[in-house]
Amino acid sequence: MATYKEIQDFVLTTRGYTPKSCWIADVKEEHHLTTRRAPNRKDEDQRSYPCPETKRPDIVTAFKHFGML
């Protein structure tokens, strides 16, 4: 499984921006790639900074590139 840094670098080189790590975590949870919840998460049911809908396809493309999906 790729690290957050690898995913961020891939999106930066292919799309020209660096996604926030919380966006990556949000998309990972959506695709059932997470194994646990962060212990410091304030709200169990909602993310503080969910991934914008316009950025999701770029992160999913990175997941596919690294063989995560």
C-alpha atoms as a PDB file:
ATOM      1  CA  MET A   1       0.000   0.000   0.000  1.00  0.00           C
ATOM      2  CA  ALA A   2       1.306   3.433  -0.927  1.00  0.00           C
ATOM      3  CA  THR A   3       2.113   6.012   1.721  1.00  0.00           C
ATOM      4  CA  TYR A   4       0.338   9.343   1.951  1.00  0.00           C
ATOM      5  CA  LYS A   5       3.514  11.056   0.725  1.00  0.00           C
ATOM      6  CA  GLU A   6       3.678   8.820  -2.364  1.00  0.00           C
ATOM      7  CA  ILE A   7       0.034   9.565  -3.155  1.00  0.00           C
ATOM      8  CA  GLN A   8       0.597  13.291  -2.656  1.00  0.00           C
ATOM      9  CA  ASP A   9       3.668  13.241  -4.930  1.00  0.00           C
ATOM     10  CA  PHE A  10       1.787  11.321  -7.639  1.00  0.00           C
ATOM     11  CA  VAL A  11      -1.137  13.760  -7.619  1.00  0.00           C
ATOM     12  CA  LEU A  12       1.281  16.703  -7.617  1.00  0.00           C
ATOM     13  CA  THR A  13       3.113  15.451 -10.706  1.00  0.00           C
ATOM     14  CA  THR A  14      -0.029  14.412 -12.621  1.00  0.00           C
ATOM     15  CA  ARG A  15      -2.549  17.072 -11.552  1.00  0.00           C
ATOM     16  CA  GLY A  16      -0.458  19.972 -10.285  1.00  0.00           C
ATOM     17  CA  TYR A  17      -1.605  20.212  -6.667  1.00  0.00           C
ATOM     18  CA  THR A  18      -0.883  18.425  -3.398  1.00  0.00           C
ATOM     19  CA  PRO A  19      -3.937  16.852  -1.756  1.00  0.00           C
ATOM     20  CA  LYS A  20      -4.307  17.190   1.999  1.00  0.00           C
ATOM     21  CA  SER A  21      -3.723  14.024   4.000  1.00  0.00           C
ATOM     22  CA  CYS A  22      -7.232  14.316   5.449  1.00  0.00           C
ATOM     23  CA  TRP A  23      -8.633  14.190   1.904  1.00  0.00           C
ATOM     24  CA  ILE A  24      -6.703  10.988   1.246  1.00  0.00           C
ATOM     25  CA  ALA A  25      -7.973   9.500   4.513  1.00  0.00           C
ATOM     26  CA  ASP A  26     -11.549  10.413   3.578  1.00  0.00           C
ATOM     27  CA  VAL A  27     -11.305   8.689   0.189  1.00  0.00           C
ATOM     28  CA  LYS A  28      -9.551   5.669   1.744  1.00  0.00           C
ATOM     29  CA  GLU A  29     -12.411   5.281   4.209  1.00  0.00           C
ATOM     30  CA  GLU A  30     -14.955   5.569   1.392  1.00  0.00           C
ATOM     31  CA  HIS A  31     -13.259   2.661  -0.408  1.00  0.00           C
ATOM     32  CA  HIS A  32     -12.835   0.594   2.803  1.00  0.00           C
ATOM     33  CA  LEU A  33      -9.037   0.806   2.754  1.00  0.00           C
ATOM     34  CA  THR A  34      -8.661   1.932   6.370  1.00  0.00           C
ATOM     35  CA  THR A  35      -8.215  -0.526   9.195  1.00  0.00           C
ATOM     36  CA  ARG A  36      -8.953   1.709  12.182  1.00  0.00           C
ATOM     37  CA  ARG A  37     -10.075   5.172  13.239  1.00  0.00           C
ATOM     38  CA  ALA A  38      -7.569   7.744  14.400  1.00  0.00           C
ATOM     39  CA  PRO A  39      -7.586   8.001  18.194  1.00  0.00           C
ATOM     40  CA  ASN A  40      -7.547  11.807  18.084  1.00  0.00           C
ATOM     41  CA  ARG A  41     -10.571  12.104  15.788  1.00  0.00           C
ATOM     42  CA  LYS A  42     -13.003  14.557  17.364  1.00  0.00           C
ATOM     43  CA  ASP A  43     -16.252  13.364  15.798  1.00  0.00           C
ATOM     44  CA  GLU A  44     -16.679   9.654  15.097  1.00  0.00           C
ATOM     45  CA  ASP A  45     -19.284  10.175  12.371  1.00  0.00           C
ATOM     46  CA  GLN A  46     -17.980  13.182  10.458  1.00  0.00           C
ATOM     47  CA  ARG A  47     -14.650  14.445   9.170  1.00  0.00           C
ATOM     48  CA  SER A  48     -13.508  17.974   9.919  1.00  0.00           C
ATOM     49  CA  TYR A  49     -12.158  18.421   6.382  1.00  0.00           C
ATOM     50  CA  PRO A  50     -13.820  16.014   3.942  1.00  0.00           C
ATOM     51  CA  CYS A  51     -12.391  15.662   0.459  1.00  0.00           C
ATOM     52  CA  PRO A  52     -14.027  17.976  -2.087  1.00  0.00           C
ATOM     53  CA  GLU A  53     -15.947  16.141  -4.805  1.00  0.00           C
ATOM     54  CA  THR A  54     -13.761  17.699  -7.492  1.00  0.00           C
ATOM     55  CA  LYS A  55     -10.579  16.206  -5.984  1.00  0.00           C
ATOM     56  CA  ARG A  56     -11.838  12.638  -5.369  1.00  0.00           C
ATOM     57  CA  PRO A  57     -11.213  11.296  -8.902  1.00  0.00           C
ATOM     58  CA  ASP A  58      -7.561  12.385  -8.754  1.00  0.00           C
ATOM     59  CA  ILE A  59      -6.978  10.527  -5.494  1.00  0.00           C
ATOM     60  CA  VAL A  60      -8.800   7.438  -6.779  1.00  0.00           C
ATOM     61  CA  THR A  61      -6.557   7.514  -9.860  1.00  0.00           C
ATOM     62  CA  ALA A  62      -3.534   7.507  -7.552  1.00  0.00           C
ATOM     63  CA  PHE A  63      -4.970   4.518  -5.656  1.00  0.00           C
ATOM     64  CA  LYS A  64      -5.359   2.643  -8.933  1.00  0.00           C
ATOM     65  CA  HIS A  65      -1.827   3.599 -10.001  1.00  0.00           C
ATOM     66  CA  PHE A  66      -0.404   2.090  -6.802  1.00  0.00           C
ATOM     67  CA  GLY A  67      -2.594  -1.026  -7.001  1.00  0.00           C
ATOM     68  CA  MET A  68      -4.714  -0.186  -3.984  1.00  0.00           C
ATOM     69  CA  LEU A  69      -7.976  -0.557  -5.933  1.00  0.00           C
END
